[in-house]
Amino acid sequence: MAPMIGDNAPPVEVRCRAPDSGRNRKRAAASVINAMIKIENLVKTFGAKRAVDGVSFNVERGEVLGFLGPNGAGKSTTMRMITGFMPPTSGRVTIGGHDVAESPLEAKRLIGYLPENAPSYSDMTVLGFLKFAAELRGLAREARKKAVERVVGLCHLDSVLHQSVDTLSKGYKHRTSLAQALIHDPEVLVLDEPTDGLDPNQKHEVRELIHRLGKSKAIVFSTHILEEVDAACTRAIIIDRGRIVANGTPAELRAMSGLAGAVTLQAQGATAEKLSALGRVEPLNGAFRIYPRDKSAVAALAQQVIELVNREGWKVEGMYSERGELDEVFRRITLPDTVKA
């Protein structure tokens, strides 16, 4: 929500830039050239079921892509194919210019992977497990020691270093698995629900970590928690029934919301009849929400409401522009048609 406008607020000018299709085309072209992760027409079938159905996208260095979708949408299956853990039925995955199917070792050296329900060796201590993970990644002696120290600090594991993995809480087990994904400082991170099982403080820490790492790496992480899109993502994809149904920045996805651009007004003397000259009016509890007649009128609506308020001499108690809600967009495009009807 935009800031509230009170009785003594100065005149407000509201501006909004319309999408620039030319700029978007240039951004898409640059993404293909600079992509660290390139997915082309990925398909995975299990018998008659088409779990992933023609998925294509790119992720550049410095980009954090949130991979959203309801349970069973194909998120984890796509993650497994990106990392080479599962072969696709058809399509192509390229990591840093290396085809995952044709050059698996070269591609996987660039990847840090946190799978869903990440496995670990429960009889090892946290320190022993991380040293083992570093050795598997080809790190030896001083490099291994520095790598372990780095991920212990990043994932806040100092207090449990000498505990065996099977004695850890779910949250610390998850942190330990995240640490192994980071141990070789990979250029690409693929994280399947990295905040699953964490308490609110731990979730905040992991989101902040992803945000920081995303400045220099290409990151894909799956989630069904929409607040994580705002907290960590530069872009998000929504997948439903194996297909991409939305792809854009958090702001672009919000613009798809029915609420985007609407103005909520609480003012003494205001009437739905007079406000209806500006757009569709929805009465609320002591207020009105005015919806733009079409998306092209979004930029002008708030200014028009302010002008009407000034002209009519209404006493404003509160006013704000709606920026749109991600959960409303998510529900609208992922609910089965039978439920929507």
C-alpha atoms as a PDB file:
ATOM      1  CA  MET A   1       0.000   0.000   0.000  1.00  0.00           C
ATOM      2  CA  ALA A   2       1.134   3.543  -0.741  1.00  0.00           C
ATOM      3  CA  PRO A   3       1.440   6.077   2.111  1.00  0.00           C
ATOM      4  CA  MET A   4      -1.774   7.410   3.642  1.00  0.00           C
ATOM      5  CA  ILE A   5      -2.872  10.932   2.703  1.00  0.00           C
ATOM      6  CA  GLY A   6      -4.283  12.908   5.622  1.00  0.00           C
ATOM      7  CA  ASP A   7      -6.239  16.154   5.971  1.00  0.00           C
ATOM      8  CA  ASN A   8      -3.264  18.478   5.597  1.00  0.00           C
ATOM      9  CA  ALA A   9      -1.413  16.569   2.925  1.00  0.00           C
ATOM     10  CA  PRO A  10      -0.057  18.647   0.041  1.00  0.00           C
ATOM     11  CA  PRO A  11      -1.387  18.029  -3.484  1.00  0.00           C
ATOM     12  CA  VAL A  12      -0.197  14.671  -4.763  1.00  0.00           C
ATOM     13  CA  GLU A  13       0.841  13.844  -8.294  1.00  0.00           C
ATOM     14  CA  VAL A  14       0.765  10.132  -9.107  1.00  0.00           C
ATOM     15  CA  ARG A  15       2.708   8.793 -12.074  1.00  0.00           C
ATOM     16  CA  CYS A  16       3.075   5.303 -13.397  1.00  0.00           C
ATOM     17  CA  ARG A  17       5.119   4.091 -16.328  1.00  0.00           C
ATOM     18  CA  ALA A  18       3.420   1.786 -18.796  1.00  0.00           C
ATOM     19  CA  PRO A  19       5.269  -1.399 -19.787  1.00  0.00           C
ATOM     20  CA  ASP A  20       7.810  -0.803 -22.534  1.00  0.00           C
ATOM     21  CA  SER A  21       7.617  -3.767 -24.910  1.00  0.00           C
ATOM     22  CA  GLY A  22      10.802  -2.688 -26.692  1.00  0.00           C
ATOM     23  CA  ARG A  23      12.711  -2.545 -23.415  1.00  0.00           C
ATOM     24  CA  ASN A  24      11.332  -5.963 -22.426  1.00  0.00           C
ATOM     25  CA  ARG A  25      12.434  -7.465 -25.747  1.00  0.00           C
ATOM     26  CA  LYS A  26      15.969  -6.107 -25.249  1.00  0.00           C
ATOM     27  CA  ARG A  27      16.028  -7.485 -21.698  1.00  0.00           C
ATOM     28  CA  ALA A  28      14.923 -10.906 -22.940  1.00  0.00           C
ATOM     29  CA  ALA A  29      17.583 -10.913 -25.672  1.00  0.00           C
ATOM     30  CA  ALA A  30      20.296  -9.969 -23.165  1.00  0.00           C
ATOM     31  CA  SER A  31      19.098 -12.716 -20.845  1.00  0.00           C
ATOM     32  CA  VAL A  32      19.649 -15.376 -23.514  1.00  0.00           C
ATOM     33  CA  ILE A  33      23.201 -14.165 -24.169  1.00  0.00           C
ATOM     34  CA  ASN A  34      24.224 -13.838 -20.495  1.00  0.00           C
ATOM     35  CA  ALA A  35      22.249 -16.772 -19.085  1.00  0.00           C
ATOM     36  CA  MET A  36      24.057 -18.997 -16.582  1.00  0.00           C
ATOM     37  CA  ILE A  37      21.025 -21.285 -16.601  1.00  0.00           C
ATOM     38  CA  LYS A  38      19.257 -21.909 -19.884  1.00  0.00           C
ATOM     39  CA  ILE A  39      16.193 -24.165 -20.037  1.00  0.00           C
ATOM     40  CA  GLU A  40      14.737 -25.047 -23.437  1.00  0.00           C
ATOM     41  CA  ASN A  41      11.388 -26.825 -23.936  1.00  0.00           C
ATOM     42  CA  LEU A  42      11.840 -29.123 -20.953  1.00  0.00           C
ATOM     43  CA  VAL A  43       9.427 -32.058 -20.803  1.00  0.00           C
ATOM     44  CA  LYS A  44       9.127 -34.886 -18.274  1.00  0.00           C
ATOM     45  CA  THR A  45       6.529 -37.628 -18.497  1.00  0.00           C
ATOM     46  CA  PHE A  46       5.751 -40.413 -16.064  1.00  0.00           C
ATOM     47  CA  GLY A  47       3.674 -42.868 -18.050  1.00  0.00           C
ATOM     48  CA  ALA A  48       0.653 -40.921 -19.296  1.00  0.00           C
ATOM     49  CA  LYS A  49       1.266 -38.039 -16.875  1.00  0.00           C
ATOM     50  CA  ARG A  50       3.068 -34.997 -18.285  1.00  0.00           C
ATOM     51  CA  ALA A  51       4.628 -33.584 -15.101  1.00  0.00           C
ATOM     52  CA  VAL A  52       6.622 -30.863 -16.896  1.00  0.00           C
ATOM     53  CA  ASP A  53       5.254 -29.657 -20.207  1.00  0.00           C
ATOM     54  CA  GLY A  54       7.486 -27.500 -22.409  1.00  0.00           C
ATOM     55  CA  VAL A  55       9.112 -25.287 -19.770  1.00  0.00           C
ATOM     56  CA  SER A  56      11.628 -22.689 -21.017  1.00  0.00           C
ATOM     57  CA  PHE A  57      13.410 -19.889 -19.148  1.00  0.00           C
ATOM     58  CA  ASN A  58      16.827 -18.332 -18.522  1.00  0.00           C
ATOM     59  CA  VAL A  59      18.544 -17.121 -15.358  1.00  0.00           C
ATOM     60  CA  GLU A  60      21.422 -14.651 -15.501  1.00  0.00           C
ATOM     61  CA  ARG A  61      24.257 -14.123 -13.055  1.00  0.00           C
ATOM     62  CA  GLY A  62      23.055 -11.642 -10.459  1.00  0.00           C
ATOM     63  CA  GLU A  63      19.466 -12.838 -10.712  1.00  0.00           C
ATOM     64  CA  VAL A  64      17.352 -14.635  -8.094  1.00  0.00           C
ATOM     65  CA  LEU A  65      14.459 -16.481  -9.689  1.00  0.00           C
ATOM     66  CA  GLY A  66      11.595 -17.619  -7.496  1.00  0.00           C
ATOM     67  CA  PHE A  67       9.940 -20.761  -8.818  1.00  0.00           C
ATOM     68  CA  LEU A  68       6.350 -20.763  -7.562  1.00  0.00           C
ATOM     69  CA  GLY A  69       3.488 -23.163  -7.919  1.00  0.00           C
ATOM     70  CA  PRO A  70       0.966 -25.263  -6.015  1.00  0.00           C
ATOM     71  CA  ASN A  71       1.881 -28.729  -4.783  1.00  0.00           C
ATOM     72  CA  GLY A  72       2.296 -31.117  -7.708  1.00  0.00           C
ATOM     73  CA  ALA A  73       2.832 -28.329 -10.246  1.00  0.00           C
ATOM     74  CA  GLY A  74       6.232 -29.671 -11.405  1.00  0.00           C
ATOM     75  CA  LYS A  75       8.620 -27.488  -9.385  1.00  0.00           C
ATOM     76  CA  SER A  76      10.751 -30.226  -7.825  1.00  0.00           C
ATOM     77  CA  THR A  77      10.782 -32.280 -11.025  1.00  0.00           C
ATOM     78  CA  THR A  78      12.096 -29.262 -12.935  1.00  0.00           C
ATOM     79  CA  MET A  79      14.765 -28.671 -10.260  1.00  0.00           C
ATOM     80  CA  ARG A  80      15.936 -32.280 -10.544  1.00  0.00           C
ATOM     81  CA  MET A  81      16.278 -31.995 -14.308  1.00  0.00           C
ATOM     82  CA  ILE A  82      18.178 -28.691 -14.053  1.00  0.00           C
ATOM     83  CA  THR A  83      20.768 -30.322 -11.782  1.00  0.00           C
ATOM     84  CA  GLY A  84      21.050 -33.530 -13.815  1.00  0.00           C
ATOM     85  CA  PHE A  85      19.577 -35.584 -10.966  1.00  0.00           C
ATOM     86  CA  MET A  86      16.789 -36.694 -13.320  1.00  0.00           C
ATOM     87  CA  PRO A  87      16.969 -36.876 -17.137  1.00  0.00           C
ATOM     88  CA  PRO A  88      14.290 -35.029 -19.101  1.00  0.00           C
ATOM     89  CA  THR A  89      12.026 -36.837 -21.521  1.00  0.00           C
ATOM     90  CA  SER A  90      12.932 -34.104 -23.994  1.00  0.00           C
ATOM     91  CA  GLY A  91      14.369 -30.611 -23.971  1.00  0.00           C
ATOM     92  CA  ARG A  92      17.733 -29.166 -23.005  1.00  0.00           C
ATOM     93  CA  VAL A  93      19.386 -27.737 -19.895  1.00  0.00           C
ATOM     94  CA  THR A  94      22.582 -25.669 -20.149  1.00  0.00           C
ATOM     95  CA  ILE A  95      24.593 -24.505 -17.127  1.00  0.00           C
ATOM     96  CA  GLY A  96      27.319 -21.944 -17.784  1.00  0.00           C
ATOM     97  CA  GLY A  97      27.388 -22.998 -21.420  1.00  0.00           C
ATOM     98  CA  HIS A  98      27.651 -26.736 -20.611  1.00  0.00           C
ATOM     99  CA  ASP A  99      24.871 -29.087 -21.669  1.00  0.00           C
ATOM    100  CA  VAL A 100      23.867 -31.080 -18.576  1.00  0.00           C
ATOM    101  CA  ALA A 101      23.255 -34.239 -20.629  1.00  0.00           C
ATOM    102  CA  GLU A 102      26.364 -34.007 -22.821  1.00  0.00           C
ATOM    103  CA  SER A 103      28.861 -32.526 -20.320  1.00  0.00           C
ATOM    104  CA  PRO A 104      27.460 -33.468 -16.914  1.00  0.00           C
ATOM    105  CA  LEU A 105      30.672 -33.091 -14.894  1.00  0.00           C
ATOM    106  CA  GLU A 106      31.476 -29.643 -16.255  1.00  0.00           C
ATOM    107  CA  ALA A 107      27.890 -28.481 -15.639  1.00  0.00           C
ATOM    108  CA  LYS A 108      27.572 -29.979 -12.148  1.00  0.00           C
ATOM    109  CA  ARG A 109      30.840 -28.401 -10.983  1.00  0.00           C
ATOM    110  CA  LEU A 110      29.074 -25.055 -11.323  1.00  0.00           C
ATOM    111  CA  ILE A 111      25.976 -26.083  -9.338  1.00  0.00           C
ATOM    112  CA  GLY A 112      25.155 -26.075  -5.643  1.00  0.00           C
ATOM    113  CA  TYR A 113      21.989 -28.100  -5.057  1.00  0.00           C
ATOM    114  CA  LEU A 114      19.695 -28.230  -2.049  1.00  0.00           C
ATOM    115  CA  PRO A 115      17.077 -30.865  -2.865  1.00  0.00           C
ATOM    116  CA  GLU A 116      13.719 -31.298  -1.209  1.00  0.00           C
ATOM    117  CA  ASN A 117      14.175 -33.348   1.995  1.00  0.00           C
ATOM    118  CA  ALA A 118      17.938 -33.151   1.496  1.00  0.00           C
ATOM    119  CA  PRO A 119      19.709 -36.363   2.577  1.00  0.00           C
ATOM    120  CA  SER A 120      22.756 -36.409   4.827  1.00  0.00           C
ATOM    121  CA  TYR A 121      24.814 -38.926   6.809  1.00  0.00           C
ATOM    122  CA  SER A 122      23.110 -38.989  10.188  1.00  0.00           C
ATOM    123  CA  ASP A 123      26.027 -40.651  12.019  1.00  0.00           C
ATOM    124  CA  MET A 124      28.474 -37.904  11.000  1.00  0.00           C
ATOM    125  CA  THR A 125      29.016 -34.718  12.949  1.00  0.00           C
ATOM    126  CA  VAL A 126      28.146 -31.491  11.177  1.00  0.00           C
ATOM    127  CA  LEU A 127      31.845 -30.701  10.837  1.00  0.00           C
ATOM    128  CA  GLY A 128      32.612 -34.180   9.492  1.00  0.00           C
ATOM    129  CA  PHE A 129      29.767 -33.986   6.989  1.00  0.00           C
ATOM    130  CA  LEU A 130      30.896 -30.602   5.668  1.00  0.00           C
ATOM    131  CA  LYS A 131      34.511 -31.772   5.345  1.00  0.00           C
ATOM    132  CA  PHE A 132      33.247 -34.816   3.456  1.00  0.00           C
ATOM    133  CA  ALA A 133      31.148 -32.618   1.141  1.00  0.00           C
ATOM    134  CA  ALA A 134      34.199 -30.414   0.510  1.00  0.00           C
ATOM    135  CA  GLU A 135      36.326 -33.437  -0.378  1.00  0.00           C
ATOM    136  CA  LEU A 136      33.675 -34.650  -2.820  1.00  0.00           C
ATOM    137  CA  ARG A 137      33.917 -31.253  -4.484  1.00  0.00           C
ATOM    138  CA  GLY A 138      37.665 -31.628  -4.882  1.00  0.00           C
ATOM    139  CA  LEU A 139      38.730 -29.257  -2.103  1.00  0.00           C
ATOM    140  CA  ALA A 140      41.776 -30.270  -0.106  1.00  0.00           C
ATOM    141  CA  ARG A 141      43.683 -29.096   2.959  1.00  0.00           C
ATOM    142  CA  GLU A 142      43.683 -25.289   3.311  1.00  0.00           C
ATOM    143  CA  ALA A 143      41.006 -24.750   0.653  1.00  0.00           C
ATOM    144  CA  ARG A 144      38.778 -27.293   2.395  1.00  0.00           C
ATOM    145  CA  LYS A 145      39.337 -25.681   5.788  1.00  0.00           C
ATOM    146  CA  LYS A 146      38.500 -22.201   4.479  1.00  0.00           C
ATOM    147  CA  ALA A 147      35.422 -23.489   2.656  1.00  0.00           C
ATOM    148  CA  VAL A 148      34.079 -25.156   5.805  1.00  0.00           C
ATOM    149  CA  GLU A 149      34.722 -22.027   7.896  1.00  0.00           C
ATOM    150  CA  ARG A 150      32.960 -19.886   5.303  1.00  0.00           C
ATOM    151  CA  VAL A 151      29.748 -21.946   5.138  1.00  0.00           C
ATOM    152  CA  VAL A 152      29.646 -22.458   8.912  1.00  0.00           C
ATOM    153  CA  GLY A 153      29.603 -18.687   9.269  1.00  0.00           C
ATOM    154  CA  LEU A 154      27.084 -18.159   6.471  1.00  0.00           C
ATOM    155  CA  CYS A 155      24.653 -20.748   7.834  1.00  0.00           C
ATOM    156  CA  HIS A 156      25.265 -20.053  11.561  1.00  0.00           C
ATOM    157  CA  LEU A 157      26.324 -23.592  12.444  1.00  0.00           C
ATOM    158  CA  ASP A 158      29.023 -22.789  15.012  1.00  0.00           C
ATOM    159  CA  SER A 159      26.974 -24.022  17.977  1.00  0.00           C
ATOM    160  CA  VAL A 160      26.268 -27.476  16.488  1.00  0.00           C
ATOM    161  CA  LEU A 161      29.540 -28.239  14.679  1.00  0.00           C
ATOM    162  CA  HIS A 162      30.391 -31.225  16.846  1.00  0.00           C
ATOM    163  CA  GLN A 163      26.883 -32.660  17.131  1.00  0.00           C
ATOM    164  CA  SER A 164      25.932 -35.660  15.031  1.00  0.00           C
ATOM    165  CA  VAL A 165      23.474 -34.828  12.283  1.00  0.00           C
ATOM    166  CA  ASP A 166      20.785 -37.148  13.691  1.00  0.00           C
ATOM    167  CA  THR A 167      20.617 -35.094  16.929  1.00  0.00           C
ATOM    168  CA  LEU A 168      19.917 -31.803  15.133  1.00  0.00           C
ATOM    169  CA  SER A 169      16.573 -30.048  14.994  1.00  0.00           C
ATOM    170  CA  LYS A 170      14.838 -29.926  11.613  1.00  0.00           C
ATOM    171  CA  GLY A 171      15.965 -26.333  11.180  1.00  0.00           C
ATOM    172  CA  TYR A 172      19.644 -27.100  11.827  1.00  0.00           C
ATOM    173  CA  LYS A 173      19.519 -30.169   9.580  1.00  0.00           C
ATOM    174  CA  HIS A 174      18.217 -27.912   6.831  1.00  0.00           C
ATOM    175  CA  ARG A 175      20.972 -25.348   7.460  1.00  0.00           C
ATOM    176  CA  THR A 176      23.573 -28.116   7.311  1.00  0.00           C
ATOM    177  CA  SER A 177      22.216 -29.282   3.959  1.00  0.00           C
ATOM    178  CA  LEU A 178      22.254 -25.697   2.691  1.00  0.00           C
ATOM    179  CA  ALA A 179      25.882 -25.383   3.817  1.00  0.00           C
ATOM    180  CA  GLN A 180      26.893 -28.406   1.722  1.00  0.00           C
ATOM    181  CA  ALA A 181      25.265 -26.788  -1.318  1.00  0.00           C
ATOM    182  CA  LEU A 182      27.441 -23.697  -0.753  1.00  0.00           C
ATOM    183  CA  ILE A 183      30.670 -25.486   0.194  1.00  0.00           C
ATOM    184  CA  HIS A 184      32.412 -25.073  -3.200  1.00  0.00           C
ATOM    185  CA  ASP A 185      31.164 -21.486  -3.735  1.00  0.00           C
ATOM    186  CA  PRO A 186      29.201 -22.431  -6.876  1.00  0.00           C
ATOM    187  CA  GLU A 187      28.215 -19.979  -9.589  1.00  0.00           C
ATOM    188  CA  VAL A 188      24.719 -21.487  -9.784  1.00  0.00           C
ATOM    189  CA  LEU A 189      22.451 -22.348  -6.859  1.00  0.00           C
ATOM    190  CA  VAL A 190      19.360 -24.540  -7.181  1.00  0.00           C
ATOM    191  CA  LEU A 191      17.436 -24.571  -3.915  1.00  0.00           C
ATOM    192  CA  ASP A 192      14.248 -26.577  -3.453  1.00  0.00           C
ATOM    193  CA  GLU A 193      12.194 -24.873  -0.722  1.00  0.00           C
ATOM    194  CA  PRO A 194      15.249 -23.618   1.229  1.00  0.00           C
ATOM    195  CA  THR A 195      13.184 -22.221   4.130  1.00  0.00           C
ATOM    196  CA  ASP A 196      11.090 -25.344   4.688  1.00  0.00           C
ATOM    197  CA  GLY A 197      10.959 -26.289   8.375  1.00  0.00           C
ATOM    198  CA  LEU A 198      12.667 -23.124   9.608  1.00  0.00           C
ATOM    199  CA  ASP A 199      11.286 -20.821  12.277  1.00  0.00           C
ATOM    200  CA  PRO A 200      10.493 -17.170  11.329  1.00  0.00           C
ATOM    201  CA  ASN A 201      13.925 -15.901  12.415  1.00  0.00           C
ATOM    202  CA  GLN A 202      15.733 -18.634  10.503  1.00  0.00           C
ATOM    203  CA  LYS A 203      13.589 -17.990   7.409  1.00  0.00           C
ATOM    204  CA  HIS A 204      14.544 -14.325   7.534  1.00  0.00           C
ATOM    205  CA  GLU A 205      18.250 -15.238   7.766  1.00  0.00           C
ATOM    206  CA  VAL A 206      18.045 -17.611   4.788  1.00  0.00           C
ATOM    207  CA  ARG A 207      16.141 -15.082   2.665  1.00  0.00           C
ATOM    208  CA  GLU A 208      18.733 -12.430   3.462  1.00  0.00           C
ATOM    209  CA  LEU A 209      21.504 -14.897   2.578  1.00  0.00           C
ATOM    210  CA  ILE A 210      19.862 -15.728  -0.762  1.00  0.00           C
ATOM    211  CA  HIS A 211      19.444 -12.029  -1.487  1.00  0.00           C
ATOM    212  CA  ARG A 212      23.159 -11.375  -0.798  1.00  0.00           C
ATOM    213  CA  LEU A 213      24.393 -14.392  -2.755  1.00  0.00           C
ATOM    214  CA  GLY A 214      22.147 -13.458  -5.651  1.00  0.00           C
ATOM    215  CA  LYS A 215      24.232 -10.378  -6.375  1.00  0.00           C
ATOM    216  CA  SER A 216      27.020 -12.531  -7.794  1.00  0.00           C
ATOM    217  CA  LYS A 217      25.374 -15.879  -8.591  1.00  0.00           C
ATOM    218  CA  ALA A 218      22.487 -17.240 -10.638  1.00  0.00           C
ATOM    219  CA  ILE A 219      19.915 -18.637  -8.210  1.00  0.00           C
ATOM    220  CA  VAL A 220      16.705 -20.591  -8.669  1.00  0.00           C
ATOM    221  CA  PHE A 221      14.702 -21.464  -5.601  1.00  0.00           C
ATOM    222  CA  SER A 222      11.291 -23.025  -5.363  1.00  0.00           C
ATOM    223  CA  THR A 223       8.728 -21.944  -2.838  1.00  0.00           C
ATOM    224  CA  HIS A 224       5.007 -21.743  -2.239  1.00  0.00           C
ATOM    225  CA  ILE A 225       5.453 -18.886   0.266  1.00  0.00           C
ATOM    226  CA  LEU A 226       4.587 -15.738  -1.643  1.00  0.00           C
ATOM    227  CA  GLU A 227       6.236 -13.337   0.816  1.00  0.00           C
ATOM    228  CA  GLU A 228       9.590 -14.844  -0.211  1.00  0.00           C
ATOM    229  CA  VAL A 229       9.157 -13.359  -3.678  1.00  0.00           C
ATOM    230  CA  ASP A 230       9.338  -9.850  -2.222  1.00  0.00           C
ATOM    231  CA  ALA A 231      12.029 -10.778   0.296  1.00  0.00           C
ATOM    232  CA  ALA A 232      14.545 -12.380  -2.045  1.00  0.00           C
ATOM    233  CA  CYS A 233      13.559 -12.495  -5.729  1.00  0.00           C
ATOM    234  CA  THR A 234      14.402 -10.246  -8.628  1.00  0.00           C
ATOM    235  CA  ARG A 235      12.030 -12.275 -10.815  1.00  0.00           C
ATOM    236  CA  ALA A 236       9.453 -15.018 -10.354  1.00  0.00           C
ATOM    237  CA  ILE A 237       7.900 -17.741 -12.462  1.00  0.00           C
ATOM    238  CA  ILE A 238       4.595 -19.378 -11.617  1.00  0.00           C
ATOM    239  CA  ILE A 239       4.180 -22.941 -12.857  1.00  0.00           C
ATOM    240  CA  ASP A 240       0.873 -24.802 -12.864  1.00  0.00           C
ATOM    241  CA  ARG A 241       0.200 -28.320 -14.100  1.00  0.00           C
ATOM    242  CA  GLY A 242       3.657 -28.469 -15.660  1.00  0.00           C
ATOM    243  CA  ARG A 243       3.448 -25.216 -17.610  1.00  0.00           C
ATOM    244  CA  ILE A 244       4.661 -21.671 -16.977  1.00  0.00           C
ATOM    245  CA  VAL A 245       1.610 -19.458 -16.517  1.00  0.00           C
ATOM    246  CA  ALA A 246       3.364 -16.236 -15.401  1.00  0.00           C
ATOM    247  CA  ASN A 247       6.892 -14.831 -15.606  1.00  0.00           C
ATOM    248  CA  GLY A 248       7.995 -11.396 -14.407  1.00  0.00           C
ATOM    249  CA  THR A 249       9.356  -9.201 -11.656  1.00  0.00           C
ATOM    250  CA  PRO A 250       7.332  -9.009  -8.423  1.00  0.00           C
ATOM    251  CA  ALA A 251       5.991  -5.635  -9.579  1.00  0.00           C
ATOM    252  CA  GLU A 252       4.979  -7.034 -12.968  1.00  0.00           C
ATOM    253  CA  LEU A 253       3.168  -9.956 -11.334  1.00  0.00           C
ATOM    254  CA  ARG A 254       1.341  -7.611  -8.967  1.00  0.00           C
ATOM    255  CA  ALA A 255       0.198  -5.567 -11.952  1.00  0.00           C
ATOM    256  CA  MET A 256      -1.767  -8.654 -13.030  1.00  0.00           C
ATOM    257  CA  SER A 257      -3.832  -8.379  -9.851  1.00  0.00           C
ATOM    258  CA  GLY A 258      -7.383  -7.119 -10.079  1.00  0.00           C
ATOM    259  CA  LEU A 259      -6.517  -4.763  -7.217  1.00  0.00           C
ATOM    260  CA  ALA A 260      -3.519  -3.193  -8.958  1.00  0.00           C
ATOM    261  CA  GLY A 261      -4.036   0.527  -9.434  1.00  0.00           C
ATOM    262  CA  ALA A 262      -7.291   0.709  -7.480  1.00  0.00           C
ATOM    263  CA  VAL A 263      -7.638   3.628  -5.060  1.00  0.00           C
ATOM    264  CA  THR A 264      -9.137   3.230  -1.594  1.00  0.00           C
ATOM    265  CA  LEU A 265     -10.657   6.396  -0.186  1.00  0.00           C
ATOM    266  CA  GLN A 266     -12.095   7.181   3.231  1.00  0.00           C
ATOM    267  CA  ALA A 267     -13.505  10.703   3.275  1.00  0.00           C
ATOM    268  CA  GLN A 268     -16.358  12.482   4.988  1.00  0.00           C
ATOM    269  CA  GLY A 269     -19.001  13.422   2.411  1.00  0.00           C
ATOM    270  CA  ALA A 270     -17.779  11.021  -0.281  1.00  0.00           C
ATOM    271  CA  THR A 271     -20.499   9.163  -2.206  1.00  0.00           C
ATOM    272  CA  ALA A 272     -20.382   6.149  -4.479  1.00  0.00           C
ATOM    273  CA  GLU A 273     -22.505   8.021  -7.027  1.00  0.00           C
ATOM    274  CA  LYS A 274     -19.947  10.769  -7.559  1.00  0.00           C
ATOM    275  CA  LEU A 275     -16.961   8.413  -7.401  1.00  0.00           C
ATOM    276  CA  SER A 276     -18.542   6.153 -10.038  1.00  0.00           C
ATOM    277  CA  ALA A 277     -17.741   8.806 -12.643  1.00  0.00           C
ATOM    278  CA  LEU A 278     -14.089   7.690 -12.282  1.00  0.00           C
ATOM    279  CA  GLY A 279     -14.544   3.912 -12.383  1.00  0.00           C
ATOM    280  CA  ARG A 280     -16.202   0.941 -10.736  1.00  0.00           C
ATOM    281  CA  VAL A 281     -16.810   1.603  -7.028  1.00  0.00           C
ATOM    282  CA  GLU A 282     -16.784  -1.017  -4.288  1.00  0.00           C
ATOM    283  CA  PRO A 283     -18.204   0.096  -0.915  1.00  0.00           C
ATOM    284  CA  LEU A 284     -16.034  -0.976   2.012  1.00  0.00           C
ATOM    285  CA  ASN A 285     -16.487  -0.568   5.746  1.00  0.00           C
ATOM    286  CA  GLY A 286     -16.702   3.243   5.919  1.00  0.00           C
ATOM    287  CA  ALA A 287     -14.691   3.693   2.720  1.00  0.00           C
ATOM    288  CA  PHE A 288     -14.803   3.174  -1.039  1.00  0.00           C
ATOM    289  CA  ARG A 289     -12.455   1.381  -3.426  1.00  0.00           C
ATOM    290  CA  ILE A 290     -12.391   2.792  -6.947  1.00  0.00           C
ATOM    291  CA  TYR A 291     -11.147   0.526  -9.735  1.00  0.00           C
ATOM    292  CA  PRO A 292      -9.744   1.923 -13.000  1.00  0.00           C
ATOM    293  CA  ARG A 293     -11.940   1.334 -16.032  1.00  0.00           C
ATOM    294  CA  ASP A 294      -8.980  -0.397 -17.700  1.00  0.00           C
ATOM    295  CA  LYS A 295      -5.269  -0.867 -16.988  1.00  0.00           C
ATOM    296  CA  SER A 296      -4.343   2.054 -19.242  1.00  0.00           C
ATOM    297  CA  ALA A 297      -6.160   4.379 -16.801  1.00  0.00           C
ATOM    298  CA  VAL A 298      -4.172   3.276 -13.740  1.00  0.00           C
ATOM    299  CA  ALA A 299      -1.677   6.143 -13.894  1.00  0.00           C
ATOM    300  CA  ALA A 300      -4.370   8.827 -13.913  1.00  0.00           C
ATOM    301  CA  LEU A 301      -6.889   7.394 -11.432  1.00  0.00           C
ATOM    302  CA  ALA A 302      -5.310   8.510  -8.145  1.00  0.00           C
ATOM    303  CA  GLN A 303      -4.819  12.030  -9.465  1.00  0.00           C
ATOM    304  CA  GLN A 304      -8.446  12.095 -10.630  1.00  0.00           C
ATOM    305  CA  VAL A 305      -9.632  11.009  -7.173  1.00  0.00           C
ATOM    306  CA  ILE A 306      -7.585  13.776  -5.537  1.00  0.00           C
ATOM    307  CA  GLU A 307      -9.013  16.348  -7.937  1.00  0.00           C
ATOM    308  CA  LEU A 308     -12.568  15.169  -7.188  1.00  0.00           C
ATOM    309  CA  VAL A 309     -11.902  15.317  -3.434  1.00  0.00           C
ATOM    310  CA  ASN A 310     -10.626  18.889  -3.738  1.00  0.00           C
ATOM    311  CA  ARG A 311     -13.503  19.934  -5.978  1.00  0.00           C
ATOM    312  CA  GLU A 312     -16.177  18.491  -3.670  1.00  0.00           C
ATOM    313  CA  GLY A 313     -14.482  19.670  -0.476  1.00  0.00           C
ATOM    314  CA  TRP A 314     -14.543  16.220   1.136  1.00  0.00           C
ATOM    315  CA  LYS A 315     -12.548  15.771   4.337  1.00  0.00           C
ATOM    316  CA  VAL A 316     -10.054  12.968   3.683  1.00  0.00           C
ATOM    317  CA  GLU A 317      -9.377  10.543   6.524  1.00  0.00           C
ATOM    318  CA  GLY A 318      -7.301   8.164   4.461  1.00  0.00           C
ATOM    319  CA  MET A 319      -6.383   7.371   0.881  1.00  0.00           C
ATOM    320  CA  TYR A 320      -3.967   4.973  -0.772  1.00  0.00           C
ATOM    321  CA  SER A 321      -3.290   3.261  -4.086  1.00  0.00           C
ATOM    322  CA  GLU A 322      -3.363  -0.537  -4.173  1.00  0.00           C
ATOM    323  CA  ARG A 323      -0.219  -2.097  -5.615  1.00  0.00           C
ATOM    324  CA  GLY A 324      -1.857  -5.493  -6.202  1.00  0.00           C
ATOM    325  CA  GLU A 325      -1.581  -8.723  -4.249  1.00  0.00           C
ATOM    326  CA  LEU A 326       0.567 -11.666  -5.288  1.00  0.00           C
ATOM    327  CA  ASP A 327      -1.636 -14.210  -3.525  1.00  0.00           C
ATOM    328  CA  GLU A 328      -4.661 -13.021  -5.526  1.00  0.00           C
ATOM    329  CA  VAL A 329      -2.697 -13.399  -8.780  1.00  0.00           C
ATOM    330  CA  PHE A 330      -1.412 -16.823  -7.702  1.00  0.00           C
ATOM    331  CA  ARG A 331      -4.872 -18.113  -6.795  1.00  0.00           C
ATOM    332  CA  ARG A 332      -6.522 -16.742  -9.924  1.00  0.00           C
ATOM    333  CA  ILE A 333      -4.095 -18.371 -12.356  1.00  0.00           C
ATOM    334  CA  THR A 334      -3.472 -21.664 -10.542  1.00  0.00           C
ATOM    335  CA  LEU A 335      -6.903 -22.659  -9.248  1.00  0.00           C
ATOM    336  CA  PRO A 336      -8.553 -25.431 -11.320  1.00  0.00           C
ATOM    337  CA  ASP A 337     -11.164 -24.143 -13.733  1.00  0.00           C
ATOM    338  CA  THR A 338     -13.861 -26.061 -11.863  1.00  0.00           C
ATOM    339  CA  VAL A 339     -13.077 -24.115  -8.687  1.00  0.00           C
ATOM    340  CA  LYS A 340     -12.928 -20.769 -10.512  1.00  0.00           C
ATOM    341  CA  ALA A 341     -16.369 -21.424 -11.961  1.00  0.00           C
END
